C-alpha atoms as a PDB file:
ATOM      1  CA  UNK A   1      43.756   1.297 -94.497  1.00  0.00           C
ATOM      2  CA  UNK A   2      47.100   0.128 -93.181  1.00  0.00           C
ATOM      3  CA  UNK A   3      48.778  -2.934 -94.727  1.00  0.00           C
ATOM      4  CA  UNK A   4      48.739  -6.275 -92.917  1.00  0.00           C
ATOM      5  CA  UNK A   5      51.170  -6.513 -90.017  1.00  0.00           C
ATOM      6  CA  UNK A   6      53.615  -9.429 -90.087  1.00  0.00           C
ATOM      7  CA  UNK A   7      53.749 -11.918 -87.236  1.00  0.00           C
ATOM      8  CA  UNK A   8      54.490 -11.712 -84.411  1.00  0.00           C
ATOM      9  CA  UNK A   9      52.036  -8.857 -83.908  1.00  0.00           C
ATOM     10  CA  UNK A  10      53.872  -5.828 -82.607  1.00  0.00           C
ATOM     11  CA  UNK A  11      53.708  -5.257 -78.851  1.00  0.00           C
ATOM     12  CA  UNK A  12      55.819  -2.737 -76.877  1.00  0.00           C
ATOM     13  CA  UNK A  13      58.383  -4.687 -74.895  1.00  0.00           C
ATOM     14  CA  UNK A  14      57.877  -2.772 -71.656  1.00  0.00           C
ATOM     15  CA  UNK A  15      54.058  -2.972 -71.579  1.00  0.00           C
ATOM     16  CA  UNK A  16      52.612  -5.549 -69.192  1.00  0.00           C
ATOM     17  CA  UNK A  17      51.132  -8.343 -71.253  1.00  0.00           C
ATOM     18  CA  UNK A  18      47.625  -9.736 -71.125  1.00  0.00           C
ATOM     19  CA  UNK A  19      47.273 -12.895 -69.014  1.00  0.00           C
ATOM     20  CA  UNK A  20      50.734 -12.377 -67.516  1.00  0.00           C
ATOM     21  CA  UNK A  21      49.721 -11.877 -63.887  1.00  0.00           C
ATOM     22  CA  UNK A  22      50.982 -14.321 -61.281  1.00  0.00           C
ATOM     23  CA  UNK A  23      47.422 -15.574 -60.808  1.00  0.00           C
ATOM     24  CA  UNK A  24      47.076 -16.266 -64.536  1.00  0.00           C
ATOM     25  CA  UNK A  25      50.361 -18.192 -64.519  1.00  0.00           C
ATOM     26  CA  UNK A  26      49.213 -20.226 -61.523  1.00  0.00           C
ATOM     27  CA  UNK A  27      45.899 -21.014 -63.238  1.00  0.00           C
ATOM     28  CA  UNK A  28      47.746 -22.337 -66.268  1.00  0.00           C
ATOM     29  CA  UNK A  29      50.055 -24.371 -64.046  1.00  0.00           C
ATOM     30  CA  UNK A  30      47.041 -25.941 -62.339  1.00  0.00           C
ATOM     31  CA  UNK A  31      45.288 -26.822 -65.595  1.00  0.00           C
ATOM     32  CA  UNK A  32      48.549 -28.154 -67.036  1.00  0.00           C
ATOM     33  CA  UNK A  33      49.115 -30.235 -63.868  1.00  0.00           C
ATOM     34  CA  UNK A  34      52.660 -28.928 -63.515  1.00  0.00           C
ATOM     35  CA  UNK A  35      54.720 -30.238 -60.623  1.00  0.00           C
ATOM     36  CA  UNK A  36      58.348 -30.304 -59.468  1.00  0.00           C
ATOM     37  CA  UNK A  37      60.502 -31.396 -62.379  1.00  0.00           C
ATOM     38  CA  UNK A  38      57.944 -30.542 -65.069  1.00  0.00           C
ATOM     39  CA  UNK A  39      59.637 -28.998 -68.086  1.00  0.00           C
ATOM     40  CA  UNK A  40      58.021 -25.780 -69.335  1.00  0.00           C
ATOM     41  CA  UNK A  41      58.692 -23.487 -72.288  1.00  0.00           C
ATOM     42  CA  UNK A  42      57.760 -19.837 -71.749  1.00  0.00           C
ATOM     43  CA  UNK A  43      57.814 -18.520 -75.308  1.00  0.00           C
ATOM     44  CA  UNK A  44      57.986 -14.766 -75.736  1.00  0.00           C
ATOM     45  CA  UNK A  45      59.047 -14.390 -72.118  1.00  0.00           C
ATOM     46  CA  UNK A  46      59.718 -10.653 -72.371  1.00  0.00           C
ATOM     47  CA  UNK A  47      62.282  -8.665 -70.370  1.00  0.00           C
ATOM     48  CA  UNK A  48      60.979  -9.576 -66.890  1.00  0.00           C
ATOM     49  CA  UNK A  49      60.660 -13.367 -67.199  1.00  0.00           C
ATOM     50  CA  UNK A  50      58.010 -13.315 -64.463  1.00  0.00           C
ATOM     51  CA  UNK A  51      56.262 -16.524 -65.471  1.00  0.00           C
ATOM     52  CA  UNK A  52      59.524 -18.460 -65.735  1.00  0.00           C
ATOM     53  CA  UNK A  53      60.645 -17.285 -62.303  1.00  0.00           C
ATOM     54  CA  UNK A  54      57.301 -18.109 -60.684  1.00  0.00           C
ATOM     55  CA  UNK A  55      57.150 -21.596 -62.207  1.00  0.00           C
ATOM     56  CA  UNK A  56      60.680 -22.342 -61.053  1.00  0.00           C
ATOM     57  CA  UNK A  57      60.389 -20.853 -57.558  1.00  0.00           C
ATOM     58  CA  UNK A  58      56.883 -21.943 -56.570  1.00  0.00           C
ATOM     59  CA  UNK A  59      56.490 -25.220 -58.436  1.00  0.00           C
ATOM     60  CA  UNK A  60      60.048 -26.424 -58.920  1.00  0.00           C
ATOM     61  CA  UNK A  61      59.667 -26.609 -62.697  1.00  0.00           C
ATOM     62  CA  UNK A  62      62.553 -26.740 -65.148  1.00  0.00           C
ATOM     63  CA  UNK A  63      61.930 -23.780 -67.469  1.00  0.00           C
ATOM     64  CA  UNK A  64      63.193 -22.550 -70.815  1.00  0.00           C
ATOM     65  CA  UNK A  65      62.570 -18.791 -71.003  1.00  0.00           C
ATOM     66  CA  UNK A  66      62.754 -17.916 -74.690  1.00  0.00           C
ATOM     67  CA  UNK A  67      62.351 -14.819 -76.821  1.00  0.00           C
ATOM     68  CA  UNK A  68      63.389 -13.610 -80.251  1.00  0.00           C
ATOM     69  CA  UNK A  69      65.304 -10.494 -79.195  1.00  0.00           C
ATOM     70  CA  UNK A  70      68.601 -10.861 -77.392  1.00  0.00           C
ATOM     71  CA  UNK A  71      68.163  -7.380 -75.907  1.00  0.00           C
ATOM     72  CA  UNK A  72      65.083  -8.593 -74.028  1.00  0.00           C
ATOM     73  CA  UNK A  73      66.874 -11.607 -72.616  1.00  0.00           C
ATOM     74  CA  UNK A  74      69.717  -9.751 -70.905  1.00  0.00           C
ATOM     75  CA  UNK A  75      67.530  -8.568 -67.996  1.00  0.00           C
ATOM     76  CA  UNK A  76      66.046 -12.073 -67.683  1.00  0.00           C
ATOM     77  CA  UNK A  77      69.489 -13.654 -67.413  1.00  0.00           C
ATOM     78  CA  UNK A  78      70.478 -11.144 -64.747  1.00  0.00           C
ATOM     79  CA  UNK A  79      67.296 -11.781 -62.762  1.00  0.00           C
ATOM     80  CA  UNK A  80      67.812 -15.531 -62.949  1.00  0.00           C
ATOM     81  CA  UNK A  81      71.395 -15.104 -61.739  1.00  0.00           C
ATOM     82  CA  UNK A  82      70.438 -12.850 -58.828  1.00  0.00           C
ATOM     83  CA  UNK A  83      67.711 -15.237 -57.678  1.00  0.00           C
ATOM     84  CA  UNK A  84      70.000 -18.252 -57.894  1.00  0.00           C
ATOM     85  CA  UNK A  85      67.784 -20.050 -60.399  1.00  0.00           C
ATOM     86  CA  UNK A  86      70.344 -20.805 -63.096  1.00  0.00           C
ATOM     87  CA  UNK A  87      69.997 -24.543 -62.465  1.00  0.00           C
ATOM     88  CA  UNK A  88      66.227 -24.351 -63.115  1.00  0.00           C
ATOM     89  CA  UNK A  89      65.840 -21.662 -65.791  1.00  0.00           C
ATOM     90  CA  UNK A  90      67.592 -21.717 -69.157  1.00  0.00           C
ATOM     91  CA  UNK A  91      67.340 -18.405 -71.017  1.00  0.00           C
ATOM     92  CA  UNK A  92      67.462 -18.909 -74.763  1.00  0.00           C
ATOM     93  CA  UNK A  93      67.121 -16.804 -77.906  1.00  0.00           C
ATOM     94  CA  UNK A  94      64.971 -18.499 -80.550  1.00  0.00           C
ATOM     95  CA  UNK A  95      63.820 -17.870 -84.088  1.00  0.00           C
ATOM     96  CA  UNK A  96      60.083 -18.270 -84.558  1.00  0.00           C
ATOM     97  CA  UNK A  97      60.720 -19.550 -88.072  1.00  0.00           C
ATOM     98  CA  UNK A  98      62.958 -22.347 -86.817  1.00  0.00           C
ATOM     99  CA  UNK A  99      62.189 -23.805 -83.414  1.00  0.00           C
ATOM    100  CA  UNK A 100      64.380 -26.800 -84.173  1.00  0.00           C
ATOM    101  CA  UNK A 101      66.834 -25.797 -81.471  1.00  0.00           C
ATOM    102  CA  UNK A 102      64.187 -26.781 -78.936  1.00  0.00           C
ATOM    103  CA  UNK A 103      63.853 -30.494 -78.135  1.00  0.00           C
ATOM    104  CA  UNK A 104      60.858 -32.332 -79.585  1.00  0.00           C
ATOM    105  CA  UNK A 105      58.366 -33.833 -77.173  1.00  0.00           C
ATOM    106  CA  UNK A 106      60.182 -32.395 -74.172  1.00  0.00           C
ATOM    107  CA  UNK A 107      57.749 -29.923 -72.624  1.00  0.00           C
ATOM    108  CA  UNK A 108      54.906 -30.657 -70.236  1.00  0.00           C
ATOM    109  CA  UNK A 109      53.684 -27.108 -70.781  1.00  0.00           C
ATOM    110  CA  UNK A 110      54.168 -24.297 -73.299  1.00  0.00           C
ATOM    111  CA  UNK A 111      53.042 -20.837 -72.205  1.00  0.00           C
ATOM    112  CA  UNK A 112      52.574 -17.759 -74.428  1.00  0.00           C
ATOM    113  CA  UNK A 113      51.234 -14.803 -72.463  1.00  0.00           C
ATOM    114  CA  UNK A 114      49.964 -11.694 -74.195  1.00  0.00           C
ATOM    115  CA  UNK A 115      51.868 -12.176 -77.446  1.00  0.00           C
ATOM    116  CA  UNK A 116      50.432 -13.289 -80.777  1.00  0.00           C
ATOM    117  CA  UNK A 117      53.405 -14.992 -82.375  1.00  0.00           C
ATOM    118  CA  UNK A 118      51.826 -16.866 -85.305  1.00  0.00           C
ATOM    119  CA  UNK A 119      48.503 -17.220 -87.116  1.00  0.00           C
ATOM    120  CA  UNK A 120      46.150 -19.520 -85.227  1.00  0.00           C
ATOM    121  CA  UNK A 121      46.692 -22.758 -87.134  1.00  0.00           C
ATOM    122  CA  UNK A 122      50.442 -22.185 -87.317  1.00  0.00           C
ATOM    123  CA  UNK A 123      50.562 -21.719 -83.532  1.00  0.00           C
ATOM    124  CA  UNK A 124      48.924 -25.081 -83.007  1.00  0.00           C
ATOM    125  CA  UNK A 125      50.966 -26.881 -85.658  1.00  0.00           C
ATOM    126  CA  UNK A 126      54.362 -25.395 -84.781  1.00  0.00           C
ATOM    127  CA  UNK A 127      54.136 -26.127 -81.060  1.00  0.00           C
ATOM    128  CA  UNK A 128      52.384 -29.488 -80.868  1.00  0.00           C
ATOM    129  CA  UNK A 129      55.546 -31.443 -81.655  1.00  0.00           C
ATOM    130  CA  UNK A 130      57.406 -29.766 -78.781  1.00  0.00           C
ATOM    131  CA  UNK A 131      54.876 -31.029 -76.251  1.00  0.00           C
ATOM    132  CA  UNK A 132      55.253 -34.279 -74.382  1.00  0.00           C
ATOM    133  CA  UNK A 133      52.268 -36.608 -74.458  1.00  0.00           C
ATOM    134  CA  UNK A 134      49.412 -34.985 -72.526  1.00  0.00           C
ATOM    135  CA  UNK A 135      51.385 -31.735 -72.424  1.00  0.00           C
ATOM    136  CA  UNK A 136      49.424 -28.477 -72.408  1.00  0.00           C
ATOM    137  CA  UNK A 137      49.698 -25.442 -74.671  1.00  0.00           C
ATOM    138  CA  UNK A 138      48.413 -22.131 -73.303  1.00  0.00           C
ATOM    139  CA  UNK A 139      48.456 -19.280 -75.811  1.00  0.00           C
ATOM    140  CA  UNK A 140      47.013 -15.833 -76.471  1.00  0.00           C
ATOM    141  CA  UNK A 141      44.940 -14.994 -79.536  1.00  0.00           C
ATOM    142  CA  UNK A 142      42.364 -12.332 -80.465  1.00  0.00           C
ATOM    143  CA  UNK A 143      38.730 -13.456 -80.249  1.00  0.00           C
ATOM    144  CA  UNK A 144      35.385 -12.021 -81.205  1.00  0.00           C
ATOM    145  CA  UNK A 145      33.158 -11.259 -78.231  1.00  0.00           C
ATOM    146  CA  UNK A 146      29.556 -10.101 -78.033  1.00  0.00           C
ATOM    147  CA  UNK A 147      26.825 -10.315 -80.635  1.00  0.00           C
ATOM    148  CA  UNK A 148      27.754  -7.378 -82.832  1.00  0.00           C
ATOM    149  CA  UNK A 149      31.054  -6.207 -84.253  1.00  0.00           C
ATOM    150  CA  UNK A 150      31.408  -3.093 -86.444  1.00  0.00           C
ATOM    151  CA  UNK A 151      32.549  -3.875 -89.963  1.00  0.00           C
ATOM    152  CA  UNK A 152      35.613  -1.645 -89.607  1.00  0.00           C
ATOM    153  CA  UNK A 153      36.691  -3.585 -86.521  1.00  0.00           C
ATOM    154  CA  UNK A 154      36.193  -6.984 -88.162  1.00  0.00           C
ATOM    155  CA  UNK A 155      37.977  -5.884 -91.336  1.00  0.00           C
ATOM    156  CA  UNK A 156      40.930  -4.633 -89.307  1.00  0.00           C
ATOM    157  CA  UNK A 157      41.274  -7.760 -87.199  1.00  0.00           C
ATOM    158  CA  UNK A 158      40.726 -10.243 -90.027  1.00  0.00           C
ATOM    159  CA  UNK A 159      43.477  -8.488 -91.965  1.00  0.00           C
ATOM    160  CA  UNK A 160      45.691  -8.424 -88.904  1.00  0.00           C
ATOM    161  CA  UNK A 161      45.422 -12.117 -87.971  1.00  0.00           C
ATOM    162  CA  UNK A 162      45.174 -13.395 -91.558  1.00  0.00           C
ATOM    163  CA  UNK A 163      41.842 -15.119 -91.011  1.00  0.00           C
ATOM    164  CA  UNK A 164      38.288 -14.851 -89.704  1.00  0.00           C
ATOM    165  CA  UNK A 165      37.596 -13.594 -86.204  1.00  0.00           C
ATOM    166  CA  UNK A 166      36.329 -16.470 -84.065  1.00  0.00           C
ATOM    167  CA  UNK A 167      34.329 -16.670 -80.874  1.00  0.00           C
ATOM    168  CA  UNK A 168      36.110 -18.401 -77.945  1.00  0.00           C
ATOM    169  CA  UNK A 169      34.116 -21.605 -78.494  1.00  0.00           C
ATOM    170  CA  UNK A 170      35.114 -21.543 -82.169  1.00  0.00           C
ATOM    171  CA  UNK A 171      38.759 -21.136 -81.175  1.00  0.00           C
ATOM    172  CA  UNK A 172      38.408 -24.284 -79.091  1.00  0.00           C
ATOM    173  CA  UNK A 173      36.960 -26.123 -82.095  1.00  0.00           C
ATOM    174  CA  UNK A 174      40.049 -25.205 -84.140  1.00  0.00           C
ATOM    175  CA  UNK A 175      42.250 -26.354 -81.257  1.00  0.00           C
ATOM    176  CA  UNK A 176      40.480 -29.718 -81.260  1.00  0.00           C
ATOM    177  CA  UNK A 177      40.864 -30.105 -85.018  1.00  0.00           C
ATOM    178  CA  UNK A 178      44.607 -29.517 -84.707  1.00  0.00           C
ATOM    179  CA  UNK A 179      45.247 -32.504 -82.428  1.00  0.00           C
ATOM    180  CA  UNK A 180      44.480 -31.170 -78.971  1.00  0.00           C
ATOM    181  CA  UNK A 181      41.864 -31.770 -76.317  1.00  0.00           C
ATOM    182  CA  UNK A 182      40.420 -28.265 -75.787  1.00  0.00           C
ATOM    183  CA  UNK A 183      40.311 -27.420 -72.095  1.00  0.00           C
ATOM    184  CA  UNK A 184      39.596 -23.742 -71.481  1.00  0.00           C
ATOM    185  CA  UNK A 185      39.295 -20.281 -73.018  1.00  0.00           C
ATOM    186  CA  UNK A 186      39.024 -17.000 -71.154  1.00  0.00           C
ATOM    187  CA  UNK A 187      38.863 -13.450 -72.505  1.00  0.00           C
ATOM    188  CA  UNK A 188      39.754 -10.084 -71.043  1.00  0.00           C
ATOM    189  CA  UNK A 189      36.713  -8.300 -69.628  1.00  0.00           C
ATOM    190  CA  UNK A 190      35.985  -4.813 -70.939  1.00  0.00           C
ATOM    191  CA  UNK A 191      37.616  -3.142 -67.927  1.00  0.00           C
ATOM    192  CA  UNK A 192      40.722  -5.343 -68.226  1.00  0.00           C
ATOM    193  CA  UNK A 193      40.998  -4.659 -71.952  1.00  0.00           C
ATOM    194  CA  UNK A 194      40.576  -0.922 -71.401  1.00  0.00           C
ATOM    195  CA  UNK A 195      43.348  -0.932 -68.781  1.00  0.00           C
ATOM    196  CA  UNK A 196      45.548  -2.889 -71.195  1.00  0.00           C
ATOM    197  CA  UNK A 197      45.070  -0.278 -73.908  1.00  0.00           C
ATOM    198  CA  UNK A 198      45.738   2.579 -71.494  1.00  0.00           C
ATOM    199  CA  UNK A 199      49.098   0.989 -70.694  1.00  0.00           C
ATOM    200  CA  UNK A 200      49.853   0.648 -74.396  1.00  0.00           C
ATOM    201  CA  UNK A 201      48.893   4.265 -75.161  1.00  0.00           C
ATOM    202  CA  UNK A 202      51.385   5.542 -72.606  1.00  0.00           C
ATOM    203  CA  UNK A 203      54.202   3.791 -74.452  1.00  0.00           C
ATOM    204  CA  UNK A 204      53.045   4.431 -78.031  1.00  0.00           C
ATOM    205  CA  UNK A 205      53.492   8.178 -77.644  1.00  0.00           C
ATOM    206  CA  UNK A 206      57.229   7.669 -77.256  1.00  0.00           C
ATOM    207  CA  UNK A 207      57.712   5.134 -80.077  1.00  0.00           C
ATOM    208  CA  UNK A 208      58.787   6.694 -83.403  1.00  0.00           C
ATOM    209  CA  UNK A 209      58.304   5.367 -86.895  1.00  0.00           C
ATOM    210  CA  UNK A 210      55.675   3.181 -88.522  1.00  0.00           C
ATOM    211  CA  UNK A 211      56.240  -0.069 -86.615  1.00  0.00           C
ATOM    212  CA  UNK A 212      53.359   0.457 -84.161  1.00  0.00           C
ATOM    213  CA  UNK A 213      50.911   1.808 -86.798  1.00  0.00           C
ATOM    214  CA  UNK A 214      48.598  -1.199 -86.603  1.00  0.00           C
ATOM    215  CA  UNK A 215      48.632  -1.098 -82.819  1.00  0.00           C
ATOM    216  CA  UNK A 216      47.656   2.582 -82.893  1.00  0.00           C
ATOM    217  CA  UNK A 217      44.754   1.681 -85.191  1.00  0.00           C
ATOM    218  CA  UNK A 218      43.761  -1.125 -82.826  1.00  0.00           C
ATOM    219  CA  UNK A 219      43.658   1.265 -79.873  1.00  0.00           C
ATOM    220  CA  UNK A 220      41.671   3.839 -81.886  1.00  0.00           C
ATOM    221  CA  UNK A 221      39.049   1.246 -82.842  1.00  0.00           C
ATOM    222  CA  UNK A 222      38.742   0.247 -79.206  1.00  0.00           C
ATOM    223  CA  UNK A 223      38.212   3.867 -78.188  1.00  0.00           C
ATOM    224  CA  UNK A 224      35.434   4.176 -80.784  1.00  0.00           C
ATOM    225  CA  UNK A 225      33.592   1.303 -79.070  1.00  0.00           C
ATOM    226  CA  UNK A 226      33.020   3.427 -75.941  1.00  0.00           C
ATOM    227  CA  UNK A 227      34.327   0.735 -73.629  1.00  0.00           C
ATOM    228  CA  UNK A 228      32.232  -2.129 -75.032  1.00  0.00           C
ATOM    229  CA  UNK A 229      34.600  -4.446 -76.877  1.00  0.00           C
ATOM    230  CA  UNK A 230      33.585  -6.550 -79.861  1.00  0.00           C
ATOM    231  CA  UNK A 231      37.087  -8.068 -80.127  1.00  0.00           C
ATOM    232  CA  UNK A 232      39.238  -8.934 -77.134  1.00  0.00           C
ATOM    233  CA  UNK A 233      42.179 -11.170 -76.314  1.00  0.00           C
ATOM    234  CA  UNK A 234      41.635 -14.792 -75.328  1.00  0.00           C
ATOM    235  CA  UNK A 235      43.867 -17.208 -73.472  1.00  0.00           C
ATOM    236  CA  UNK A 236      43.286 -20.744 -74.699  1.00  0.00           C
ATOM    237  CA  UNK A 237      44.523 -24.030 -73.238  1.00  0.00           C
ATOM    238  CA  UNK A 238      44.632 -27.352 -75.055  1.00  0.00           C
ATOM    239  CA  UNK A 239      46.159 -30.727 -74.166  1.00  0.00           C
ATOM    240  CA  UNK A 240      48.116 -32.650 -76.757  1.00  0.00           C
ATOM    241  CA  UNK A 241      45.913 -35.526 -77.879  1.00  0.00           C
ATOM    242  CA  UNK A 242      47.159 -38.683 -79.542  1.00  0.00           C
ATOM    243  CA  UNK A 243      45.669 -40.423 -82.567  1.00  0.00           C
ATOM    244  CA  UNK A 244      43.064 -42.971 -81.498  1.00  0.00           C
ATOM    245  CA  UNK A 245      42.790 -41.555 -77.995  1.00  0.00           C
ATOM    246  CA  UNK A 246      39.383 -42.082 -76.425  1.00  0.00           C
ATOM    247  CA  UNK A 247      37.365 -38.924 -75.714  1.00  0.00           C
ATOM    248  CA  UNK A 248      37.184 -37.809 -72.078  1.00  0.00           C
ATOM    249  CA  UNK A 249      34.312 -39.064 -69.935  1.00  0.00           C
ATOM    250  CA  UNK A 250      31.204 -36.914 -70.012  1.00  0.00           C
ATOM    251  CA  UNK A 251      31.138 -34.426 -67.172  1.00  0.00           C
ATOM    252  CA  UNK A 252      27.376 -34.681 -66.851  1.00  0.00           C
ATOM    253  CA  UNK A 253      27.461 -38.485 -66.619  1.00  0.00           C
ATOM    254  CA  UNK A 254      25.931 -38.826 -70.037  1.00  0.00           C
END
């Protein structure tokens, strides 16, 4: 059994990330009610900065594209320059242990696509203060799916995320308990997850050393499931909720 992997969970930089399609970014923007002038933090933007560019170009948002590795940010800066978006997109290196360089309460949306940067409760706690009132956080986190999960799979994932594996509805309950109004949770379908792992496998073969050991184990467990996942990736959206705020009106009229 491999030792626990530190956060953020390792992910090859050049692999397309889950929930990073243009359509997924637009869905988040719609839920978050982003509009021209909205300030958005794309955390873990990766080397392409696709979400930041889309939000700036299509919606007129003011975006901070942030990542932890300066080497990843060079291509983003060049893309922003070429597209003439330097007045709308700020590219910034950040430390996940100290987000104090980012302004408190400034962001109408925070978007984390396909990266698991912190344990669940730390994600919610660390980012809530950066959101403006009624701002939305959209983040990626592993979730249990289906009725049955092999013990080896659960043991691996619970070790990897430092906690129990939760169903999407249980993720939303944790979101609510952390000071958010839970709004949506979607998971990768089996075919989407399988395609995601095929992309990862192509890159893992060329990566030396022990860094991707846990990811190799993750892929192997998925292959043992014969295409029927018991754990997938979820994208969860919650709105910052204030103390004493009234609950939303019932959608079924009571």
